[in-house]
N, C-alpha and C. Protein backbone atom coordinates (compact mmCIF):
# COMPACT_ATOMS: atom_id res chain seq x y z
N UNK A 1 108.56 148.58 -25.40
CA UNK A 1 109.92 147.71 -25.49
C UNK A 1 109.21 146.14 -26.03
N UNK A 2 109.71 145.65 -26.83
CA UNK A 2 109.39 144.42 -27.46
C UNK A 2 109.46 143.26 -25.97
N UNK A 3 108.30 142.67 -25.83
CA UNK A 3 108.38 141.35 -24.52
C UNK A 3 108.48 140.19 -25.71
N UNK A 4 109.46 139.49 -25.41
CA UNK A 4 109.87 138.24 -25.83
C UNK A 4 109.24 137.05 -25.24
N UNK A 5 108.94 137.24 -24.24
CA UNK A 5 108.28 136.28 -22.96
C UNK A 5 107.11 136.29 -23.58
N UNK A 6 106.38 137.40 -23.65
CA UNK A 6 104.73 137.07 -24.44
C UNK A 6 104.81 136.86 -25.73
N UNK A 7 105.66 137.11 -26.55
CA UNK A 7 105.85 136.76 -28.15
C UNK A 7 105.82 135.48 -27.91
N UNK A 8 106.63 134.50 -27.09
CA UNK A 8 107.05 133.48 -27.05
C UNK A 8 105.62 132.18 -26.64
N UNK A 9 104.33 133.03 -26.02
CA UNK A 9 103.37 132.19 -25.48
C UNK A 9 102.04 132.52 -26.54
N UNK A 10 102.37 133.92 -27.24
CA UNK A 10 101.22 134.23 -27.67
C UNK A 10 100.37 132.93 -28.67
N UNK A 11 99.15 132.99 -28.53
CA UNK A 11 98.00 132.02 -29.11
C UNK A 11 98.09 130.72 -28.74
N UNK A 12 98.89 130.36 -27.71
CA UNK A 12 99.18 128.89 -27.36
C UNK A 12 98.31 128.69 -26.28
N UNK A 13 97.67 127.60 -26.42
CA UNK A 13 96.75 127.07 -24.99
C UNK A 13 97.24 126.20 -24.47
N UNK A 14 97.04 125.96 -23.22
CA UNK A 14 97.71 125.11 -22.23
C UNK A 14 96.35 123.95 -22.12
N UNK A 15 96.53 122.82 -22.45
CA UNK A 15 95.43 121.85 -22.29
C UNK A 15 95.76 120.83 -21.39
N UNK A 16 94.81 120.66 -20.19
CA UNK A 16 95.35 119.64 -19.10
C UNK A 16 94.08 118.53 -19.40
N UNK A 17 94.02 117.37 -18.40
CA UNK A 17 92.90 116.62 -18.32
C UNK A 17 91.53 117.15 -18.23
N UNK A 18 91.73 118.27 -17.54
CA UNK A 18 90.15 118.62 -17.41
C UNK A 18 89.97 119.99 -18.13
N UNK A 19 90.69 120.76 -18.31
CA UNK A 19 90.87 122.42 -18.69
C UNK A 19 91.67 122.41 -20.08
N UNK A 20 91.12 123.66 -20.44
CA UNK A 20 91.89 124.35 -21.42
C UNK A 20 92.15 125.75 -21.00
N UNK A 21 93.22 126.44 -20.92
CA UNK A 21 93.68 127.53 -20.45
C UNK A 21 93.89 128.34 -21.84
N UNK A 22 93.20 129.25 -22.04
CA UNK A 22 93.34 130.22 -23.20
C UNK A 22 93.30 131.95 -23.17
N UNK A 23 93.46 132.06 -24.37
CA UNK A 23 93.39 133.78 -24.33
C UNK A 23 91.61 134.08 -23.93
N UNK A 24 91.61 135.35 -23.30
CA UNK A 24 90.13 135.57 -22.79
C UNK A 24 89.31 136.18 -24.43
N UNK A 25 88.09 136.09 -24.53
CA UNK A 25 87.64 136.68 -25.38
C UNK A 25 86.47 137.51 -24.59
N UNK A 26 85.98 138.40 -25.37
CA UNK A 26 84.96 139.49 -24.66
C UNK A 26 83.38 138.50 -24.46
N UNK A 27 83.51 137.14 -25.19
CA UNK A 27 82.37 136.34 -25.00
C UNK A 27 82.39 135.69 -23.31
N UNK A 28 83.54 135.80 -23.06
CA UNK A 28 83.64 135.39 -21.58
C UNK A 28 83.15 136.37 -20.70
N UNK A 29 82.79 137.24 -20.82
CA UNK A 29 82.09 138.21 -19.88
C UNK A 29 81.26 137.94 -18.84
N UNK A 30 80.17 137.05 -19.32
CA UNK A 30 79.15 136.91 -18.66
C UNK A 30 79.65 135.72 -17.45
N UNK A 31 80.51 134.47 -18.17
CA UNK A 31 81.33 133.59 -17.11
C UNK A 31 81.99 134.14 -16.23
N UNK A 32 82.81 135.20 -16.35
CA UNK A 32 83.57 136.00 -15.58
C UNK A 32 83.23 136.55 -14.51
N UNK A 33 81.91 136.99 -14.61
CA UNK A 33 81.20 137.99 -13.93
C UNK A 33 80.48 137.01 -12.94
N UNK A 34 79.60 136.16 -13.48
CA UNK A 34 79.09 135.38 -12.73
C UNK A 34 79.81 134.25 -11.67
N UNK A 35 80.85 133.79 -12.24
CA UNK A 35 81.68 132.68 -11.84
C UNK A 35 82.77 133.10 -10.74
N UNK A 36 83.34 134.31 -10.80
CA UNK A 36 84.19 134.76 -9.90
C UNK A 36 84.27 136.25 -9.73
N UNK A 37 84.42 136.85 -10.69
CA UNK A 37 84.74 138.14 -10.46
C UNK A 37 83.71 139.41 -9.58
N UNK A 38 82.41 138.75 -9.69
CA UNK A 38 81.10 139.48 -8.67
C UNK A 38 81.33 139.01 -7.42
N UNK A 39 81.89 137.76 -6.87
CA UNK A 39 81.87 137.19 -5.71
C UNK A 39 82.75 137.52 -4.54
N UNK A 40 82.21 138.16 -3.53
CA UNK A 40 83.38 138.89 -2.53
C UNK A 40 83.96 137.60 -1.84
N UNK A 41 83.68 136.45 -1.70
CA UNK A 41 83.97 135.53 -1.23
C UNK A 41 85.33 135.10 -1.99
N UNK A 42 85.23 135.19 -3.35
CA UNK A 42 86.42 134.84 -4.22
C UNK A 42 87.52 135.86 -4.13
N UNK A 43 86.97 136.78 -4.06
CA UNK A 43 87.76 138.15 -4.16
C UNK A 43 88.37 138.75 -2.61
N UNK A 44 88.07 137.93 -1.74
CA UNK A 44 88.42 138.51 -0.45
C UNK A 44 89.98 138.76 -0.05
N UNK A 45 90.54 138.09 -0.71
CA UNK A 45 92.01 138.17 -0.51
C UNK A 45 92.77 138.92 -1.51
N UNK A 46 92.18 139.36 -2.49
CA UNK A 46 92.49 139.93 -3.89
C UNK A 46 92.88 141.48 -3.62
N UNK A 47 93.42 142.09 -4.61
CA UNK A 47 93.94 143.63 -4.76
C UNK A 47 92.94 144.27 -5.20
N UNK A 48 91.47 143.82 -5.67
CA UNK A 48 90.53 144.03 -6.33
C UNK A 48 89.38 143.88 -5.67
N UNK A 49 88.41 144.96 -5.95
CA UNK A 49 87.06 144.79 -5.29
C UNK A 49 86.08 143.74 -6.42
N UNK A 50 85.22 143.47 -5.62
CA UNK A 50 84.20 142.48 -6.86
C UNK A 50 83.76 143.51 -7.83
N UNK A 51 83.25 142.64 -8.85
CA UNK A 51 82.99 143.65 -10.13
C UNK A 51 81.47 143.96 -9.81
N UNK A 52 80.84 145.04 -10.07
CA UNK A 52 79.29 145.11 -9.69
C UNK A 52 78.67 145.20 -11.18
N UNK A 53 79.18 145.18 -11.93
CA UNK A 53 78.39 144.79 -12.99
C UNK A 53 79.19 144.17 -14.61
N UNK A 54 78.45 143.56 -15.45
CA UNK A 54 79.05 142.71 -16.38
C UNK A 54 79.61 143.94 -17.39
N UNK A 55 79.23 145.04 -17.50
CA UNK A 55 79.88 145.96 -18.38
C UNK A 55 81.40 146.57 -17.75
N UNK A 56 81.61 146.13 -16.64
CA UNK A 56 82.82 146.84 -15.74
C UNK A 56 83.73 145.35 -16.01
N UNK A 57 83.27 144.36 -15.94
CA UNK A 57 84.12 142.93 -16.34
C UNK A 57 84.48 142.70 -17.82
N UNK A 58 83.37 143.53 -18.76
CA UNK A 58 83.79 143.39 -20.08
C UNK A 58 85.07 144.34 -20.22
N UNK A 59 85.04 145.59 -19.61
CA UNK A 59 86.27 146.66 -19.91
C UNK A 59 87.44 145.79 -19.17
N UNK A 60 87.48 145.05 -18.25
CA UNK A 60 88.65 144.33 -17.51
C UNK A 60 89.25 143.47 -18.78
N UNK A 61 88.27 142.76 -19.39
CA UNK A 61 88.61 141.90 -20.25
C UNK A 61 89.18 142.53 -21.71
N UNK A 62 88.53 143.67 -22.04
CA UNK A 62 89.05 144.60 -23.06
C UNK A 62 90.49 144.93 -22.90
N UNK A 63 90.80 145.41 -21.60
CA UNK A 63 92.28 145.82 -21.35
C UNK A 63 93.06 144.29 -21.42
N UNK A 64 92.71 143.16 -20.90
CA UNK A 64 93.31 142.16 -20.78
C UNK A 64 93.94 141.82 -22.49
N UNK A 65 92.92 141.98 -23.32
CA UNK A 65 93.15 141.44 -24.83
C UNK A 65 94.08 142.44 -25.32
N UNK A 66 93.98 143.62 -24.99
CA UNK A 66 95.01 144.78 -25.66
C UNK A 66 96.42 144.42 -25.06
N UNK A 67 96.45 144.01 -23.72
CA UNK A 67 97.69 143.61 -22.97
C UNK A 67 98.38 142.67 -23.58
N UNK A 68 97.78 141.75 -24.36
CA UNK A 68 98.25 140.51 -24.90
C UNK A 68 99.40 140.91 -25.61
N UNK A 69 99.41 141.98 -26.20
CA UNK A 69 100.68 142.40 -27.14
C UNK A 69 101.34 143.81 -26.78
N UNK A 70 100.92 144.24 -25.89
CA UNK A 70 101.56 145.56 -25.59
C UNK A 70 102.01 145.65 -23.96
N UNK A 71 101.74 145.02 -22.93
CA UNK A 71 102.04 145.12 -21.69
C UNK A 71 102.91 143.91 -21.14
N UNK A 72 103.30 144.09 -19.87
CA UNK A 72 103.71 142.74 -19.17
C UNK A 72 102.95 141.81 -18.46
N UNK A 73 102.10 141.76 -19.02
CA UNK A 73 101.13 140.71 -18.45
C UNK A 73 100.27 139.58 -19.59
N UNK A 74 100.04 138.56 -18.82
CA UNK A 74 99.15 137.54 -19.82
C UNK A 74 98.19 137.08 -18.96
N UNK A 75 97.02 136.95 -19.64
CA UNK A 75 95.83 136.23 -18.52
C UNK A 75 95.39 135.06 -19.49
N UNK A 76 95.25 133.86 -18.92
CA UNK A 76 94.46 132.83 -19.30
C UNK A 76 93.03 132.63 -18.61
N UNK A 77 92.45 132.32 -19.69
CA UNK A 77 90.87 131.92 -19.13
C UNK A 77 91.15 130.66 -19.02
N UNK A 78 90.55 130.24 -17.61
CA UNK A 78 90.44 128.62 -17.20
C UNK A 78 89.00 128.43 -17.53
N UNK A 79 89.04 127.36 -18.91
CA UNK A 79 87.88 126.90 -19.28
C UNK A 79 87.89 125.09 -18.93
N UNK A 80 86.46 124.84 -18.52
CA UNK A 80 86.46 123.26 -18.30
C UNK A 80 86.26 122.85 -19.58
N UNK A 81 87.03 121.92 -20.07
CA UNK A 81 86.69 120.95 -21.46
C UNK A 81 85.48 120.60 -21.92
N UNK A 82 85.18 119.91 -20.77
CA UNK A 82 83.46 119.04 -20.64
C UNK A 82 82.55 119.91 -21.29
N UNK A 83 82.21 121.45 -20.24
CA UNK A 83 81.43 122.26 -20.70
C UNK A 83 81.53 123.65 -21.20
N UNK A 84 82.80 123.60 -21.63
CA UNK A 84 83.49 125.09 -22.14
C UNK A 84 82.92 126.47 -21.37
N UNK A 85 82.62 126.14 -19.99
CA UNK A 85 82.37 127.19 -19.09
C UNK A 85 83.84 127.91 -18.67
N UNK A 86 83.72 128.78 -18.79
CA UNK A 86 85.13 129.78 -18.00
C UNK A 86 85.08 130.12 -16.46
N UNK A 87 85.68 129.29 -15.59
CA UNK A 87 85.50 129.31 -14.37
C UNK A 87 86.73 129.95 -13.53
N UNK A 88 87.69 130.53 -14.34
CA UNK A 88 88.71 131.28 -13.21
C UNK A 88 89.67 131.93 -14.55
N UNK A 89 90.84 132.43 -13.77
CA UNK A 89 91.81 133.00 -14.78
C UNK A 89 93.02 132.40 -13.91
N UNK A 90 94.31 132.58 -14.70
CA UNK A 90 95.57 132.56 -14.44
C UNK A 90 96.47 133.15 -15.37
N UNK A 91 97.25 133.96 -14.29
CA UNK A 91 97.91 135.14 -15.26
C UNK A 91 99.47 135.20 -14.66
N UNK A 92 100.47 135.88 -15.67
CA UNK A 92 101.44 136.07 -15.27
C UNK A 92 101.81 137.52 -15.43
N UNK A 93 102.55 137.97 -14.68
CA UNK A 93 102.88 139.58 -14.47
C UNK A 93 104.39 139.99 -13.86
N UNK A 94 104.46 141.27 -13.62
CA UNK A 94 105.77 141.43 -13.37
C UNK A 94 106.66 140.86 -14.14
N UNK A 95 106.73 140.70 -15.45
CA UNK A 95 107.72 139.93 -15.93
C UNK A 95 108.77 140.85 -16.27
N UNK A 96 109.92 140.24 -15.91
CA UNK A 96 111.60 140.92 -16.01
C UNK A 96 111.86 140.13 -16.85
N UNK A 97 112.02 140.50 -18.12
CA UNK A 97 112.89 139.82 -19.26
C UNK A 97 114.28 139.57 -18.87
N UNK A 98 115.39 140.76 -18.30
CA UNK A 98 116.60 140.61 -18.00
C UNK A 98 116.80 139.59 -16.84
N UNK A 99 115.94 139.81 -15.66
CA UNK A 99 116.12 138.93 -14.87
C UNK A 99 115.56 137.56 -15.14
N UNK A 100 114.75 137.32 -15.94
CA UNK A 100 114.15 136.18 -16.31
C UNK A 100 113.21 135.53 -15.46
N UNK A 101 112.40 136.47 -14.68
CA UNK A 101 111.57 136.15 -13.89
C UNK A 101 110.22 136.71 -14.14
N UNK A 102 109.05 136.03 -13.26
CA UNK A 102 107.66 136.68 -13.08
C UNK A 102 106.70 136.27 -12.47
N UNK A 103 105.85 136.93 -11.82
CA UNK A 103 105.08 136.38 -10.86
C UNK A 103 103.72 135.73 -11.48
N UNK A 104 103.11 134.82 -10.78
CA UNK A 104 101.91 134.12 -11.20
C UNK A 104 100.93 134.25 -10.13
N UNK A 105 99.68 134.36 -10.65
CA UNK A 105 98.38 134.35 -9.85
C UNK A 105 97.20 133.50 -10.63
N UNK A 106 96.59 133.17 -9.57
CA UNK A 106 95.28 132.43 -9.97
C UNK A 106 93.99 132.68 -9.30
N UNK A 107 92.70 132.95 -10.03
CA UNK A 107 91.66 132.89 -9.16
C UNK A 107 90.43 131.80 -10.11
N UNK A 108 89.71 131.06 -8.81
CA UNK A 108 88.78 130.51 -9.64
C UNK A 108 87.71 130.14 -8.72
N UNK A 109 86.70 130.01 -9.44
CA UNK A 109 85.09 130.09 -8.99
C UNK A 109 84.88 129.14 -7.74
N UNK A 110 84.36 129.69 -6.64
CA UNK A 110 84.36 129.14 -5.53
C UNK A 110 83.64 127.51 -5.87
N UNK A 111 82.77 127.38 -6.81
CA UNK A 111 82.36 126.05 -6.79
C UNK A 111 83.21 125.07 -7.41
N UNK A 112 84.41 125.39 -7.52
CA UNK A 112 85.21 124.49 -8.16
C UNK A 112 86.39 124.50 -7.13
N UNK A 113 86.43 124.99 -5.94
CA UNK A 113 87.41 124.85 -4.95
C UNK A 113 87.69 123.64 -4.34
N UNK A 114 88.41 123.14 -3.78
CA UNK A 114 88.64 121.79 -3.29
C UNK A 114 88.10 120.74 -4.27
N UNK A 115 88.70 120.93 -5.72
CA UNK A 115 88.61 119.83 -6.38
C UNK A 115 89.69 119.65 -7.43
N UNK A 116 90.79 120.23 -7.21
CA UNK A 116 92.41 120.32 -7.47
C UNK A 116 92.30 120.96 -8.75
N UNK A 117 91.56 121.82 -9.07
CA UNK A 117 91.65 122.66 -10.44
C UNK A 117 92.37 123.69 -10.44
N UNK A 118 92.47 124.55 -9.18
CA UNK A 118 93.58 125.38 -9.15
C UNK A 118 95.06 124.73 -9.16
N UNK A 119 95.22 123.75 -8.44
CA UNK A 119 96.56 122.86 -8.61
C UNK A 119 96.63 122.35 -10.22
N UNK A 120 96.02 121.71 -10.79
CA UNK A 120 95.98 121.46 -12.40
C UNK A 120 96.51 122.46 -12.99
N UNK A 121 95.65 123.80 -12.94
CA UNK A 121 95.86 125.00 -13.68
C UNK A 121 97.54 125.74 -13.39
N UNK A 122 97.69 125.80 -12.15
CA UNK A 122 99.11 126.29 -12.00
C UNK A 122 100.17 125.56 -12.18
N UNK A 123 100.22 124.18 -12.09
CA UNK A 123 101.33 123.30 -12.45
C UNK A 123 101.22 123.28 -13.75
N UNK A 124 100.47 123.11 -14.50
CA UNK A 124 100.36 123.07 -15.84
C UNK A 124 101.02 124.40 -16.76
N UNK A 125 100.60 125.31 -15.97
CA UNK A 125 100.96 126.70 -16.52
C UNK A 125 102.66 126.88 -15.98
N UNK A 126 103.07 126.66 -14.92
CA UNK A 126 104.41 126.66 -14.21
C UNK A 126 105.04 126.12 -15.56
N UNK A 127 104.64 124.63 -16.06
CA UNK A 127 105.32 124.01 -16.79
C UNK A 127 105.61 124.33 -18.12
N UNK A 128 104.32 124.81 -18.68
CA UNK A 128 104.42 125.79 -19.97
C UNK A 128 104.99 126.99 -20.20
N UNK A 129 105.32 127.76 -18.85
CA UNK A 129 106.29 128.88 -18.92
C UNK A 129 107.53 128.51 -18.97
N UNK A 130 108.01 127.41 -17.91
CA UNK A 130 109.52 126.85 -18.13
C UNK A 130 109.65 126.33 -19.83
N UNK A 131 108.87 125.45 -20.22
CA UNK A 131 109.16 125.07 -21.52
C UNK A 131 109.03 125.96 -22.90
N UNK A 132 108.23 127.04 -22.65
CA UNK A 132 107.90 127.91 -23.94
C UNK A 132 109.02 128.89 -23.95
N UNK A 133 109.40 129.40 -22.88
CA UNK A 133 110.01 130.75 -22.40
C UNK A 133 111.26 130.59 -21.52
N UNK A 134 111.81 131.99 -21.80
CA UNK A 134 113.29 132.12 -21.25
C UNK A 134 113.22 132.24 -19.53
N UNK A 135 111.77 132.29 -19.22
CA UNK A 135 111.71 132.38 -17.41
C UNK A 135 112.67 131.26 -16.92
N UNK A 136 113.35 131.69 -15.98
CA UNK A 136 113.71 130.82 -14.87
C UNK A 136 113.40 130.63 -13.44
N UNK A 137 112.55 131.87 -13.16
CA UNK A 137 112.09 132.00 -11.99
C UNK A 137 110.50 132.34 -11.72
N UNK A 138 109.85 131.84 -11.40
CA UNK A 138 108.26 132.10 -10.85
C UNK A 138 108.06 132.44 -9.64
N UNK A 139 107.48 133.77 -9.48
CA UNK A 139 107.12 133.71 -7.76
C UNK A 139 105.41 133.93 -7.57
N UNK A 140 104.94 133.34 -6.40
CA UNK A 140 103.84 133.32 -6.41
C UNK A 140 103.67 134.16 -4.78
N UNK A 141 102.47 134.63 -4.75
CA UNK A 141 102.27 135.29 -3.34
C UNK A 141 100.86 135.02 -2.87
N UNK A 142 100.36 135.44 -1.64
CA UNK A 142 99.15 134.92 -0.98
C UNK A 142 99.02 135.71 0.21
N UNK A 143 98.08 135.92 0.72
CA UNK A 143 97.75 136.77 1.90
C UNK A 143 98.08 135.80 2.91
N UNK A 144 98.53 135.94 3.97
CA UNK A 144 98.93 134.88 5.19
C UNK A 144 97.64 134.36 5.47
N UNK A 145 96.74 135.02 5.67
CA UNK A 145 95.19 134.19 6.12
C UNK A 145 94.47 133.44 4.82
N UNK A 146 95.00 133.21 3.84
CA UNK A 146 94.45 132.49 2.81
C UNK A 146 95.12 131.28 2.82
N UNK A 147 94.62 130.46 3.56
CA UNK A 147 95.07 128.87 3.75
C UNK A 147 95.06 128.13 2.43
N UNK A 148 93.65 128.43 1.91
CA UNK A 148 93.77 127.63 0.70
C UNK A 148 94.76 127.95 -0.54
N UNK A 149 94.82 129.16 -0.71
CA UNK A 149 96.16 129.63 -1.67
C UNK A 149 97.20 128.92 -1.60
N UNK A 150 97.64 129.07 0.10
CA UNK A 150 98.77 128.27 0.50
C UNK A 150 98.85 126.88 0.18
N UNK A 151 97.95 126.19 0.38
CA UNK A 151 98.04 124.41 -0.01
C UNK A 151 98.24 124.33 -1.59
N UNK A 152 97.39 125.19 -2.42
CA UNK A 152 97.66 125.12 -3.82
C UNK A 152 99.08 125.60 -4.23
N UNK A 153 99.78 126.64 -3.45
CA UNK A 153 100.96 126.78 -3.88
C UNK A 153 101.97 125.65 -3.78
N UNK A 154 101.76 125.15 -2.56
CA UNK A 154 102.58 124.13 -1.82
C UNK A 154 102.72 122.47 -2.77
N UNK A 155 101.21 122.57 -3.06
CA UNK A 155 101.07 121.17 -3.93
C UNK A 155 101.59 121.58 -5.44
N UNK A 156 102.05 122.54 -5.74
CA UNK A 156 102.91 122.94 -7.14
C UNK A 156 104.22 122.73 -6.84
N UNK A 157 104.58 122.60 -5.72
CA UNK A 157 106.09 122.42 -5.51
C UNK A 157 106.83 123.72 -5.55
N UNK A 158 106.22 124.69 -5.36
CA UNK A 158 106.81 126.20 -4.93
C UNK A 158 107.46 125.97 -3.52
N UNK A 159 108.63 126.86 -3.43
CA UNK A 159 109.14 126.74 -1.97
C UNK A 159 108.99 127.93 -1.30
N UNK A 160 108.72 128.12 0.12
CA UNK A 160 108.41 129.03 0.78
C UNK A 160 109.50 130.18 0.83
N UNK A 161 109.71 131.23 1.07
CA UNK A 161 110.84 132.16 0.91
C UNK A 161 110.48 132.93 2.18
N UNK A 162 109.50 133.45 2.58
CA UNK A 162 109.45 134.20 3.55
C UNK A 162 108.26 135.19 3.23
N UNK A 163 107.93 136.33 4.22
CA UNK A 163 106.84 137.00 4.49
C UNK A 163 107.14 138.51 3.63
N UNK A 164 106.24 139.12 2.98
CA UNK A 164 106.64 140.54 2.35
C UNK A 164 105.28 141.12 3.19
N UNK A 165 105.91 142.37 4.07
CA UNK A 165 104.91 142.86 4.85
C UNK A 165 104.36 144.43 4.11
N UNK A 166 103.24 144.63 3.94
CA UNK A 166 102.74 145.56 3.43
C UNK A 166 101.12 145.75 3.89
N UNK A 167 100.25 146.42 3.14
CA UNK A 167 98.81 146.53 3.72
C UNK A 167 98.45 145.32 4.23
N UNK A 168 98.76 144.24 3.57
CA UNK A 168 98.32 142.82 4.48
C UNK A 168 99.87 142.20 4.16
N UNK A 169 99.46 141.11 4.97
CA UNK A 169 100.94 140.26 4.97
C UNK A 169 100.93 139.18 3.89
N UNK A 170 102.15 139.13 3.23
CA UNK A 170 101.95 138.27 2.29
C UNK A 170 103.01 136.96 2.30
N UNK A 171 102.76 135.79 2.14
CA UNK A 171 103.64 134.82 1.91
C UNK A 171 104.23 134.62 0.53
N UNK A 172 105.43 134.66 0.44
CA UNK A 172 106.12 134.64 -0.72
C UNK A 172 106.77 133.11 -1.14
N UNK A 173 106.57 132.74 -2.37
CA UNK A 173 107.00 131.31 -2.81
C UNK A 173 107.54 131.57 -4.13
N UNK A 174 108.62 130.55 -4.23
CA UNK A 174 109.20 130.80 -5.75
C UNK A 174 109.47 129.10 -6.39
N UNK A 175 109.68 128.92 -7.64
CA UNK A 175 110.07 127.74 -8.40
C UNK A 175 111.03 128.28 -9.35
N UNK A 176 112.31 127.58 -9.53
CA UNK A 176 113.19 127.82 -10.44
C UNK A 176 113.02 127.09 -11.56
N UNK A 177 113.55 126.97 -12.81
CA UNK A 177 113.73 126.01 -13.78
C UNK A 177 114.85 125.52 -13.54
N UNK A 178 115.78 125.75 -12.72
CA UNK A 178 117.08 124.70 -12.92
C UNK A 178 116.49 123.87 -11.68
N UNK A 179 115.53 123.78 -10.96
CA UNK A 179 115.28 122.94 -10.15
C UNK A 179 113.76 122.24 -10.50
N UNK A 180 113.41 122.16 -11.73
CA UNK A 180 112.34 121.85 -12.45
C UNK A 180 112.33 120.22 -12.36
N UNK A 181 113.82 119.81 -12.73
CA UNK A 181 113.52 118.18 -12.46
C UNK A 181 113.20 117.87 -11.33
N UNK A 182 113.16 118.46 -10.41
CA UNK A 182 112.42 117.71 -9.39
C UNK A 182 111.02 118.34 -9.12
N UNK A 183 110.19 118.86 -10.32
CA UNK A 183 109.32 119.81 -10.03
C UNK A 183 108.11 118.60 -10.62
N UNK A 184 107.85 117.96 -11.57
CA UNK A 184 107.00 116.99 -12.07
C UNK A 184 107.76 115.91 -12.84
């Protein structure tokens, strides 16, 4: 099925004061592996285990590159403008074209925690999605024990909706395009 949401954002970078959010390339393998994918502290609350090799990380990136045109997700590399180092990822997934909604997630190297990087990336991506696509509602979730993610999501003006109980309890937040005027 043709994904009009993904077509509308293909090959467009998101540029902020400190960051360039762009498509992943195979050359990002080393940065991804060393900066966050192999770090058990970074992946503690995620649905996947830390990567054990650069080869595995490379295979993940290869999948994302294929997904840019075929699937219902989109991963941006979070690159520092100043150094060109890739320090994380931000992604949209569970894109529902008919319902005009998607979920969003972010993962950043712990060297850059508590520096506003996650909030800067999340806010700019939400604005980009609302401007460039027909998406009108974006959802974010975090493990209820992950207080840092809660803070980032709240700073991004998303509203708490409740908890989703599963293997781990997830706090659910959302923001809608109709409330964007109150957003930034």
